[in-house]
Amino acid sequence: MKQITAKEVETLINEGKKIDIIDVREDFEVATGKIPGAVHIPIGYIEFRMDELDKSKEYIIVCHSGARSGAVTRFLEGHGFNATNMSGGMVEWEGEIE
């Protein structure tokens, strides 16, 4: 499973890179803030919303600490998606939130 740190994601954003982030936390967690531009798909809905994703894109998967996003990353990889887990999750995030 590919991994990326929160600091590396922040650097990509600050450099103006176009990245696709999926936040798999629950609604109450996202209500406290998410990475700007991240798409919120709660972990329990990933299986049912895969048709919204594009296999030609790379997705960075985010949760609170990196465990749930790791499981989602492995799940998506198993279905042919290019996914990378943001290790440390939002606990490690020091950048802007919306």
PDB file of N, CA and C in Angstrom:
ATOM      1  N   MET A   1       0.850  -1.186   0.000  1.00  0.00           N
ATOM      2  CA  MET A   1       0.000   0.000   0.000  1.00  0.00           C
ATOM      3  C   MET A   1       0.892   1.244   0.000  1.00  0.00           C
ATOM      4  N   LYS A   2       0.553   2.161  -0.891  1.00  0.00           N
ATOM      5  CA  LYS A   2       1.314   3.417  -0.949  1.00  0.00           C
ATOM      6  C   LYS A   2       0.871   4.331   0.190  1.00  0.00           C
ATOM      7  N   GLN A   3       1.829   5.090   0.713  1.00  0.00           N
ATOM      8  CA  GLN A   3       1.555   6.022   1.804  1.00  0.00           C
ATOM      9  C   GLN A   3       2.152   7.380   1.462  1.00  0.00           C
ATOM     10  N   ILE A   4       1.548   8.410   2.026  1.00  0.00           N
ATOM     11  CA  ILE A   4       2.051   9.775   1.908  1.00  0.00           C
ATOM     12  C   ILE A   4       1.791  10.442   3.257  1.00  0.00           C
ATOM     13  N   THR A   5       2.689  11.319   3.674  1.00  0.00           N
ATOM     14  CA  THR A   5       2.491  11.998   4.954  1.00  0.00           C
ATOM     15  C   THR A   5       1.590  13.222   4.773  1.00  0.00           C
ATOM     16  N   ALA A   6       1.032  13.668   5.878  1.00  0.00           N
ATOM     17  CA  ALA A   6       0.206  14.879   5.852  1.00  0.00           C
ATOM     18  C   ALA A   6       1.034  16.071   5.376  1.00  0.00           C
ATOM     19  N   LYS A   7       2.287  16.146   5.788  1.00  0.00           N
ATOM     20  CA  LYS A   7       3.165  17.249   5.382  1.00  0.00           C
ATOM     21  C   LYS A   7       3.397  17.215   3.875  1.00  0.00           C
ATOM     22  N   GLU A   8       3.571  16.024   3.304  1.00  0.00           N
ATOM     23  CA  GLU A   8       3.764  15.906   1.859  1.00  0.00           C
ATOM     24  C   GLU A   8       2.509  16.342   1.096  1.00  0.00           C
ATOM     25  N   VAL A   9       1.340  16.000   1.623  1.00  0.00           N
ATOM     26  CA  VAL A   9       0.082  16.425   0.987  1.00  0.00           C
ATOM     27  C   VAL A   9      -0.030  17.943   1.053  1.00  0.00           C
ATOM     28  N   GLU A  10       0.279  18.511   2.200  1.00  0.00           N
ATOM     29  CA  GLU A  10       0.234  19.966   2.357  1.00  0.00           C
ATOM     30  C   GLU A  10       1.183  20.652   1.371  1.00  0.00           C
ATOM     31  N   THR A  11       2.366  20.093   1.199  1.00  0.00           N
ATOM     32  CA  THR A  11       3.334  20.652   0.249  1.00  0.00           C
ATOM     33  C   THR A  11       2.781  20.617  -1.169  1.00  0.00           C
ATOM     34  N   LEU A  12       2.179  19.499  -1.573  1.00  0.00           N
ATOM     35  CA  LEU A  12       1.581  19.397  -2.907  1.00  0.00           C
ATOM     36  C   LEU A  12       0.515  20.471  -3.115  1.00  0.00           C
ATOM     37  N   ILE A  13      -0.319  20.672  -2.110  1.00  0.00           N
ATOM     38  CA  ILE A  13      -1.377  21.693  -2.200  1.00  0.00           C
ATOM     39  C   ILE A  13      -0.762  23.078  -2.313  1.00  0.00           C
ATOM     40  N   ASN A  14       0.229  23.359  -1.470  1.00  0.00           N
ATOM     41  CA  ASN A  14       0.878  24.679  -1.486  1.00  0.00           C
ATOM     42  C   ASN A  14       1.614  24.956  -2.788  1.00  0.00           C
ATOM     43  N   GLU A  15       2.049  23.894  -3.467  1.00  0.00           N
ATOM     44  CA  GLU A  15       2.714  24.043  -4.761  1.00  0.00           C
ATOM     45  C   GLU A  15       1.709  24.178  -5.909  1.00  0.00           C
ATOM     46  N   GLY A  16       0.414  24.096  -5.577  1.00  0.00           N
ATOM     47  CA  GLY A  16      -0.617  24.247  -6.595  1.00  0.00           C
ATOM     48  C   GLY A  16      -0.891  22.994  -7.408  1.00  0.00           C
ATOM     49  N   LYS A  17      -0.427  21.846  -6.920  1.00  0.00           N
ATOM     50  CA  LYS A  17      -0.662  20.593  -7.630  1.00  0.00           C
ATOM     51  C   LYS A  17      -2.137  20.211  -7.509  1.00  0.00           C
ATOM     52  N   LYS A  18      -2.675  19.659  -8.575  1.00  0.00           N
ATOM     53  CA  LYS A  18      -4.060  19.176  -8.574  1.00  0.00           C
ATOM     54  C   LYS A  18      -4.058  17.772  -7.990  1.00  0.00           C
ATOM     55  N   ILE A  19      -4.616  17.628  -6.811  1.00  0.00           N
ATOM     56  CA  ILE A  19      -4.697  16.310  -6.185  1.00  0.00           C
ATOM     57  C   ILE A  19      -6.145  16.024  -5.819  1.00  0.00           C
ATOM     58  N   ASP A  20      -6.477  14.746  -5.809  1.00  0.00           N
ATOM     59  CA  ASP A  20      -7.830  14.307  -5.477  1.00  0.00           C
ATOM     60  C   ASP A  20      -7.796  13.612  -4.129  1.00  0.00           C
ATOM     61  N   ILE A  21      -8.454  14.231  -3.152  1.00  0.00           N
ATOM     62  CA  ILE A  21      -8.464  13.724  -1.783  1.00  0.00           C
ATOM     63  C   ILE A  21      -9.862  13.235  -1.454  1.00  0.00           C
ATOM     64  N   ILE A  22      -9.939  12.061  -0.853  1.00  0.00           N
ATOM     65  CA  ILE A  22     -11.205  11.525  -0.362  1.00  0.00           C
ATOM     66  C   ILE A  22     -11.094  11.393   1.148  1.00  0.00           C
ATOM     67  N   ASP A  23     -11.984  12.062   1.850  1.00  0.00           N
ATOM     68  CA  ASP A  23     -12.036  12.013   3.315  1.00  0.00           C
ATOM     69  C   ASP A  23     -13.098  10.986   3.697  1.00  0.00           C
ATOM     70  N   VAL A  24     -12.683   9.915   4.368  1.00  0.00           N
ATOM     71  CA  VAL A  24     -13.602   8.820   4.686  1.00  0.00           C
ATOM     72  C   VAL A  24     -14.129   8.863   6.122  1.00  0.00           C
ATOM     73  N   ARG A  25     -13.900   9.975   6.800  1.00  0.00           N
ATOM     74  CA  ARG A  25     -14.394  10.095   8.179  1.00  0.00           C
ATOM     75  C   ARG A  25     -15.918  10.220   8.198  1.00  0.00           C
ATOM     76  N   GLU A  26     -16.476  10.086   9.360  1.00  0.00           N
ATOM     77  CA  GLU A  26     -17.925  10.220   9.538  1.00  0.00           C
ATOM     78  C   GLU A  26     -18.318  11.704   9.510  1.00  0.00           C
ATOM     79  N   ASP A  27     -19.602  11.950   9.306  1.00  0.00           N
ATOM     80  CA  ASP A  27     -20.118  13.321   9.195  1.00  0.00           C
ATOM     81  C   ASP A  27     -19.704  14.200  10.375  1.00  0.00           C
ATOM     82  N   PHE A  28     -19.829  13.679  11.592  1.00  0.00           N
ATOM     83  CA  PHE A  28     -19.518  14.494  12.769  1.00  0.00           C
ATOM     84  C   PHE A  28     -18.035  14.859  12.823  1.00  0.00           C
ATOM     85  N   GLU A  29     -17.170  14.005  12.256  1.00  0.00           N
ATOM     86  CA  GLU A  29     -15.742  14.307  12.238  1.00  0.00           C
ATOM     87  C   GLU A  29     -15.429  15.385  11.200  1.00  0.00           C
ATOM     88  N   VAL A  30     -16.046  15.277  10.031  1.00  0.00           N
ATOM     89  CA  VAL A  30     -15.819  16.245   8.961  1.00  0.00           C
ATOM     90  C   VAL A  30     -16.383  17.606   9.349  1.00  0.00           C
ATOM     91  N   ALA A  31     -17.395  17.616  10.197  1.00  0.00           N
ATOM     92  CA  ALA A  31     -17.981  18.878  10.648  1.00  0.00           C
ATOM     93  C   ALA A  31     -16.957  19.752  11.379  1.00  0.00           C
ATOM     94  N   THR A  32     -15.883  19.146  11.894  1.00  0.00           N
ATOM     95  CA  THR A  32     -14.851  19.921  12.585  1.00  0.00           C
ATOM     96  C   THR A  32     -13.845  20.504  11.603  1.00  0.00           C
ATOM     97  N   GLY A  33     -13.955  20.137  10.325  1.00  0.00           N
ATOM     98  CA  GLY A  33     -13.089  20.667   9.288  1.00  0.00           C
ATOM     99  C   GLY A  33     -12.441  19.574   8.468  1.00  0.00           C
ATOM    100  N   LYS A  34     -12.224  19.890   7.187  1.00  0.00           N
ATOM    101  CA  LYS A  34     -11.556  18.942   6.299  1.00  0.00           C
ATOM    102  C   LYS A  34     -10.552  19.688   5.437  1.00  0.00           C
ATOM    103  N   ILE A  35      -9.702  18.936   4.773  1.00  0.00           N
ATOM    104  CA  ILE A  35      -8.713  19.528   3.876  1.00  0.00           C
ATOM    105  C   ILE A  35      -9.468  20.204   2.731  1.00  0.00           C
ATOM    106  N   PRO A  36      -9.135  21.451   2.413  1.00  0.00           N
ATOM    107  CA  PRO A  36      -9.837  22.150   1.334  1.00  0.00           C
ATOM    108  C   PRO A  36      -9.843  21.343   0.031  1.00  0.00           C
ATOM    109  N   GLY A  37     -11.034  21.207  -0.551  1.00  0.00           N
ATOM    110  CA  GLY A  37     -11.187  20.489  -1.811  1.00  0.00           C
ATOM    111  C   GLY A  37     -11.390  18.995  -1.672  1.00  0.00           C
ATOM    112  N   ALA A  38     -11.239  18.462  -0.461  1.00  0.00           N
ATOM    113  CA  ALA A  38     -11.437  17.026  -0.268  1.00  0.00           C
ATOM    114  C   ALA A  38     -12.906  16.675  -0.475  1.00  0.00           C
ATOM    115  N   VAL A  39     -13.127  15.518  -1.073  1.00  0.00           N
ATOM    116  CA  VAL A  39     -14.476  14.994  -1.252  1.00  0.00           C
ATOM    117  C   VAL A  39     -14.771  14.093  -0.068  1.00  0.00           C
ATOM    118  N   HIS A  40     -15.936  14.304   0.553  1.00  0.00           N
ATOM    119  CA  HIS A  40     -16.303  13.500   1.714  1.00  0.00           C
ATOM    120  C   HIS A  40     -17.151  12.312   1.277  1.00  0.00           C
ATOM    121  N   ILE A  41     -16.596  11.116   1.482  1.00  0.00           N
ATOM    122  CA  ILE A  41     -17.342   9.876   1.274  1.00  0.00           C
ATOM    123  C   ILE A  41     -17.105   9.031   2.524  1.00  0.00           C
ATOM    124  N   PRO A  42     -18.073   8.983   3.434  1.00  0.00           N
ATOM    125  CA  PRO A  42     -17.874   8.191   4.650  1.00  0.00           C
ATOM    126  C   PRO A  42     -17.488   6.746   4.318  1.00  0.00           C
ATOM    127  N   ILE A  43     -16.669   6.161   5.164  1.00  0.00           N
ATOM    128  CA  ILE A  43     -16.130   4.823   4.907  1.00  0.00           C
ATOM    129  C   ILE A  43     -17.226   3.817   4.559  1.00  0.00           C
ATOM    130  N   GLY A  44     -18.353   3.890   5.199  1.00  0.00           N
ATOM    131  CA  GLY A  44     -19.429   2.938   4.946  1.00  0.00           C
ATOM    132  C   GLY A  44     -20.092   3.085   3.588  1.00  0.00           C
ATOM    133  N   TYR A  45     -19.791   4.154   2.873  1.00  0.00           N
ATOM    134  CA  TYR A  45     -20.407   4.407   1.570  1.00  0.00           C
ATOM    135  C   TYR A  45     -19.445   4.188   0.397  1.00  0.00           C
ATOM    136  N   ILE A  46     -18.177   3.961   0.680  1.00  0.00           N
ATOM    137  CA  ILE A  46     -17.174   3.819  -0.390  1.00  0.00           C
ATOM    138  C   ILE A  46     -17.597   2.756  -1.403  1.00  0.00           C
ATOM    139  N   GLU A  47     -17.978   1.597  -0.910  1.00  0.00           N
ATOM    140  CA  GLU A  47     -18.348   0.492  -1.794  1.00  0.00           C
ATOM    141  C   GLU A  47     -19.479   0.880  -2.748  1.00  0.00           C
ATOM    142  N   PHE A  48     -20.407   1.705  -2.259  1.00  0.00           N
ATOM    143  CA  PHE A  48     -21.586   2.066  -3.040  1.00  0.00           C
ATOM    144  C   PHE A  48     -21.369   3.288  -3.927  1.00  0.00           C
ATOM    145  N   ARG A  49     -20.262   4.005  -3.710  1.00  0.00           N
ATOM    146  CA  ARG A  49     -20.007   5.219  -4.493  1.00  0.00           C
ATOM    147  C   ARG A  49     -18.768   5.121  -5.375  1.00  0.00           C
ATOM    148  N   MET A  50     -18.249   3.906  -5.538  1.00  0.00           N
ATOM    149  CA  MET A  50     -17.061   3.714  -6.377  1.00  0.00           C
ATOM    150  C   MET A  50     -17.310   4.156  -7.816  1.00  0.00           C
ATOM    151  N   ASP A  51     -18.570   4.105  -8.260  1.00  0.00           N
ATOM    152  CA  ASP A  51     -18.881   4.514  -9.635  1.00  0.00           C
ATOM    153  C   ASP A  51     -18.644   6.010  -9.849  1.00  0.00           C
ATOM    154  N   GLU A  52     -18.495   6.771  -8.775  1.00  0.00           N
ATOM    155  CA  GLU A  52     -18.200   8.202  -8.874  1.00  0.00           C
ATOM    156  C   GLU A  52     -16.703   8.466  -9.061  1.00  0.00           C
ATOM    157  N   LEU A  53     -15.887   7.423  -8.878  1.00  0.00           N
ATOM    158  CA  LEU A  53     -14.437   7.571  -8.945  1.00  0.00           C
ATOM    159  C   LEU A  53     -13.920   7.186 -10.323  1.00  0.00           C
ATOM    160  N   ASP A  54     -12.766   7.731 -10.671  1.00  0.00           N
ATOM    161  CA  ASP A  54     -12.151   7.545 -11.979  1.00  0.00           C
ATOM    162  C   ASP A  54     -10.857   6.752 -11.806  1.00  0.00           C
ATOM    163  N   LYS A  55     -10.778   5.590 -12.426  1.00  0.00           N
ATOM    164  CA  LYS A  55      -9.597   4.735 -12.271  1.00  0.00           C
ATOM    165  C   LYS A  55      -8.338   5.345 -12.881  1.00  0.00           C
ATOM    166  N   SER A  56      -8.486   6.386 -13.683  1.00  0.00           N
ATOM    167  CA  SER A  56      -7.298   7.023 -14.263  1.00  0.00           C
ATOM    168  C   SER A  56      -6.691   8.077 -13.331  1.00  0.00           C
ATOM    169  N   LYS A  57      -7.378   8.394 -12.232  1.00  0.00           N
ATOM    170  CA  LYS A  57      -6.881   9.389 -11.277  1.00  0.00           C
ATOM    171  C   LYS A  57      -6.209   8.709 -10.094  1.00  0.00           C
ATOM    172  N   GLU A  58      -5.363   9.479  -9.411  1.00  0.00           N
ATOM    173  CA  GLU A  58      -4.782   9.014  -8.160  1.00  0.00           C
ATOM    174  C   GLU A  58      -5.518   9.688  -7.015  1.00  0.00           C
ATOM    175  N   TYR A  59      -5.958   8.903  -6.053  1.00  0.00           N
ATOM    176  CA  TYR A  59      -6.690   9.428  -4.910  1.00  0.00           C
ATOM    177  C   TYR A  59      -5.851   9.296  -3.646  1.00  0.00           C
ATOM    178  N   ILE A  60      -5.882  10.349  -2.839  1.00  0.00           N
ATOM    179  CA  ILE A  60      -5.271  10.306  -1.514  1.00  0.00           C
ATOM    180  C   ILE A  60      -6.420  10.138  -0.532  1.00  0.00           C
ATOM    181  N   ILE A  61      -6.329   9.096   0.290  1.00  0.00           N
ATOM    182  CA  ILE A  61      -7.409   8.743   1.205  1.00  0.00           C
ATOM    183  C   ILE A  61      -7.037   9.209   2.610  1.00  0.00           C
ATOM    184  N   VAL A  62      -7.984   9.903   3.258  1.00  0.00           N
ATOM    185  CA  VAL A  62      -7.739  10.537   4.557  1.00  0.00           C
ATOM    186  C   VAL A  62      -8.808  10.120   5.569  1.00  0.00           C
ATOM    187  N   CYS A  63      -8.369   9.876   6.809  1.00  0.00           N
ATOM    188  CA  CYS A  63      -9.303   9.683   7.924  1.00  0.00           C
ATOM    189  C   CYS A  63      -8.728  10.412   9.145  1.00  0.00           C
ATOM    190  N   HIS A  64      -9.140  10.023  10.326  1.00  0.00           N
ATOM    191  CA  HIS A  64      -8.677  10.701  11.544  1.00  0.00           C
ATOM    192  C   HIS A  64      -7.203  10.406  11.829  1.00  0.00           C
ATOM    193  N   SER A  65      -6.836   9.106  11.824  1.00  0.00           N
ATOM    194  CA  SER A  65      -5.461   8.762  12.203  1.00  0.00           C
ATOM    195  C   SER A  65      -4.704   7.929  11.169  1.00  0.00           C
ATOM    196  N   GLY A  66      -5.380   7.468  10.143  1.00  0.00           N
ATOM    197  CA  GLY A  66      -4.720   6.695   9.095  1.00  0.00           C
ATOM    198  C   GLY A  66      -5.120   5.237   9.029  1.00  0.00           C
ATOM    199  N   ALA A  67      -5.828   4.731  10.039  1.00  0.00           N
ATOM    200  CA  ALA A  67      -6.213   3.317  10.046  1.00  0.00           C
ATOM    201  C   ALA A  67      -7.368   3.040   9.072  1.00  0.00           C
ATOM    202  N   ARG A  68      -8.454   3.796   9.201  1.00  0.00           N
ATOM    203  CA  ARG A  68      -9.599   3.585   8.291  1.00  0.00           C
ATOM    204  C   ARG A  68      -9.217   3.906   6.853  1.00  0.00           C
ATOM    205  N   SER A  69      -8.441   4.976   6.666  1.00  0.00           N
ATOM    206  CA  SER A  69      -8.028   5.326   5.301  1.00  0.00           C
ATOM    207  C   SER A  69      -7.125   4.242   4.724  1.00  0.00           C
ATOM    208  N   GLY A  70      -6.354   3.575   5.557  1.00  0.00           N
ATOM    209  CA  GLY A  70      -5.531   2.457   5.094  1.00  0.00           C
ATOM    210  C   GLY A  70      -6.394   1.317   4.592  1.00  0.00           C
ATOM    211  N   ALA A  71      -7.451   1.017   5.335  1.00  0.00           N
ATOM    212  CA  ALA A  71      -8.372  -0.050   4.911  1.00  0.00           C
ATOM    213  C   ALA A  71      -9.051   0.316   3.599  1.00  0.00           C
ATOM    214  N   VAL A  72      -9.472   1.583   3.462  1.00  0.00           N
ATOM    215  CA  VAL A  72     -10.122   2.033   2.225  1.00  0.00           C
ATOM    216  C   VAL A  72      -9.128   2.015   1.071  1.00  0.00           C
ATOM    217  N   THR A  73      -7.887   2.411   1.328  1.00  0.00           N
ATOM    218  CA  THR A  73      -6.857   2.388   0.289  1.00  0.00           C
ATOM    219  C   THR A  73      -6.682   0.969  -0.241  1.00  0.00           C
ATOM    220  N   ARG A  74      -6.556  -0.002   0.660  1.00  0.00           N
ATOM    221  CA  ARG A  74      -6.405  -1.396   0.242  1.00  0.00           C
ATOM    222  C   ARG A  74      -7.643  -1.876  -0.526  1.00  0.00           C
ATOM    223  N   PHE A  75      -8.829  -1.499  -0.063  1.00  0.00           N
ATOM    224  CA  PHE A  75     -10.075  -1.880  -0.736  1.00  0.00           C
ATOM    225  C   PHE A  75     -10.106  -1.327  -2.163  1.00  0.00           C
ATOM    226  N   LEU A  76      -9.802  -0.033  -2.303  1.00  0.00           N
ATOM    227  CA  LEU A  76      -9.829   0.587  -3.631  1.00  0.00           C
ATOM    228  C   LEU A  76      -8.762  -0.020  -4.544  1.00  0.00           C
ATOM    229  N   GLU A  77      -7.573  -0.259  -4.011  1.00  0.00           N
ATOM    230  CA  GLU A  77      -6.518  -0.899  -4.806  1.00  0.00           C
ATOM    231  C   GLU A  77      -6.990  -2.254  -5.321  1.00  0.00           C
ATOM    232  N   GLY A  78      -7.694  -2.983  -4.481  1.00  0.00           N
ATOM    233  CA  GLY A  78      -8.217  -4.289  -4.859  1.00  0.00           C
ATOM    234  C   GLY A  78      -9.252  -4.222  -5.971  1.00  0.00           C
ATOM    235  N   HIS A  79      -9.822  -3.038  -6.179  1.00  0.00           N
ATOM    236  CA  HIS A  79     -10.803  -2.830  -7.243  1.00  0.00           C
ATOM    237  C   HIS A  79     -10.209  -2.036  -8.410  1.00  0.00           C
ATOM    238  N   GLY A  80      -8.886  -1.970  -8.471  1.00  0.00           N
ATOM    239  CA  GLY A  80      -8.220  -1.375  -9.617  1.00  0.00           C
ATOM    240  C   GLY A  80      -8.013   0.123  -9.575  1.00  0.00           C
ATOM    241  N   PHE A  81      -8.212   0.747  -8.406  1.00  0.00           N
ATOM    242  CA  PHE A  81      -8.010   2.188  -8.284  1.00  0.00           C
ATOM    243  C   PHE A  81      -6.590   2.489  -7.826  1.00  0.00           C
ATOM    244  N   ASN A  82      -6.112   3.673  -8.186  1.00  0.00           N
ATOM    245  CA  ASN A  82      -4.804   4.156  -7.767  1.00  0.00           C
ATOM    246  C   ASN A  82      -5.032   4.994  -6.510  1.00  0.00           C
ATOM    247  N   ALA A  83      -4.786   4.396  -5.352  1.00  0.00           N
ATOM    248  CA  ALA A  83      -5.071   5.062  -4.079  1.00  0.00           C
ATOM    249  C   ALA A  83      -3.829   5.070  -3.194  1.00  0.00           C
ATOM    250  N   THR A  84      -3.693   6.145  -2.426  1.00  0.00           N
ATOM    251  CA  THR A  84      -2.576   6.320  -1.503  1.00  0.00           C
ATOM    252  C   THR A  84      -3.133   6.727  -0.142  1.00  0.00           C
ATOM    253  N   ASN A  85      -2.668   6.095   0.902  1.00  0.00           N
ATOM    254  CA  ASN A  85      -3.106   6.408   2.259  1.00  0.00           C
ATOM    255  C   ASN A  85      -2.311   7.585   2.824  1.00  0.00           C
ATOM    256  N   MET A  86      -3.014   8.571   3.399  1.00  0.00           N
ATOM    257  CA  MET A  86      -2.325   9.648   4.113  1.00  0.00           C
ATOM    258  C   MET A  86      -2.091   9.164   5.540  1.00  0.00           C
ATOM    259  N   SER A  87      -0.870   8.735   5.796  1.00  0.00           N
ATOM    260  CA  SER A  87      -0.529   8.205   7.113  1.00  0.00           C
ATOM    261  C   SER A  87      -0.646   9.309   8.167  1.00  0.00           C
ATOM    262  N   GLY A  88      -1.100   8.930   9.337  1.00  0.00           N
ATOM    263  CA  GLY A  88      -1.263   9.898  10.417  1.00  0.00           C
ATOM    264  C   GLY A  88      -2.581  10.641  10.384  1.00  0.00           C
ATOM    265  N   GLY A  89      -3.243  10.636   9.237  1.00  0.00           N
ATOM    266  CA  GLY A  89      -4.563  11.244   9.102  1.00  0.00           C
ATOM    267  C   GLY A  89      -4.620  12.706   9.525  1.00  0.00           C
ATOM    268  N   MET A  90      -5.818  13.137   9.863  1.00  0.00           N
ATOM    269  CA  MET A  90      -6.035  14.535  10.244  1.00  0.00           C
ATOM    270  C   MET A  90      -5.355  14.888  11.560  1.00  0.00           C
ATOM    271  N   VAL A  91      -4.991  13.891  12.347  1.00  0.00           N
ATOM    272  CA  VAL A  91      -4.235  14.138  13.578  1.00  0.00           C
ATOM    273  C   VAL A  91      -2.920  14.829  13.240  1.00  0.00           C
ATOM    274  N   GLU A  92      -2.319  14.446  12.111  1.00  0.00           N
ATOM    275  CA  GLU A  92      -1.029  14.996  11.691  1.00  0.00           C
ATOM    276  C   GLU A  92      -1.166  16.238  10.806  1.00  0.00           C
ATOM    277  N   TRP A  93      -2.377  16.555  10.360  1.00  0.00           N
ATOM    278  CA  TRP A  93      -2.587  17.669   9.428  1.00  0.00           C
ATOM    279  C   TRP A  93      -2.372  19.011  10.121  1.00  0.00           C
ATOM    280  N   GLU A  94      -1.503  19.832   9.538  1.00  0.00           N
ATOM    281  CA  GLU A  94      -1.235  21.165  10.095  1.00  0.00           C
ATOM    282  C   GLU A  94      -1.641  22.268   9.140  1.00  0.00           C
ATOM    283  N   GLY A  95      -2.129  21.899   7.952  1.00  0.00           N
ATOM    284  CA  GLY A  95      -2.510  22.887   6.957  1.00  0.00           C
ATOM    285  C   GLY A  95      -3.902  23.455   7.189  1.00  0.00           C
ATOM    286  N   GLU A  96      -4.367  24.211   6.191  1.00  0.00           N
ATOM    287  CA  GLU A  96      -5.694  24.820   6.273  1.00  0.00           C
ATOM    288  C   GLU A  96      -6.771  23.760   6.317  1.00  0.00           C
ATOM    289  N   ILE A  97      -7.897  24.131   6.909  1.00  0.00           N
ATOM    290  CA  ILE A  97      -9.094  23.287   6.855  1.00  0.00           C
ATOM    291  C   ILE A  97     -10.269  24.173   6.462  1.00  0.00           C
ATOM    292  N   GLU A  98     -11.280  23.522   5.899  1.00  0.00           N
ATOM    293  CA  GLU A  98     -12.508  24.244   5.552  1.00  0.00           C
ATOM    294  C   GLU A  98     -13.674  23.607   6.232  1.00  0.00           C
TER     295      GLU A  98
END
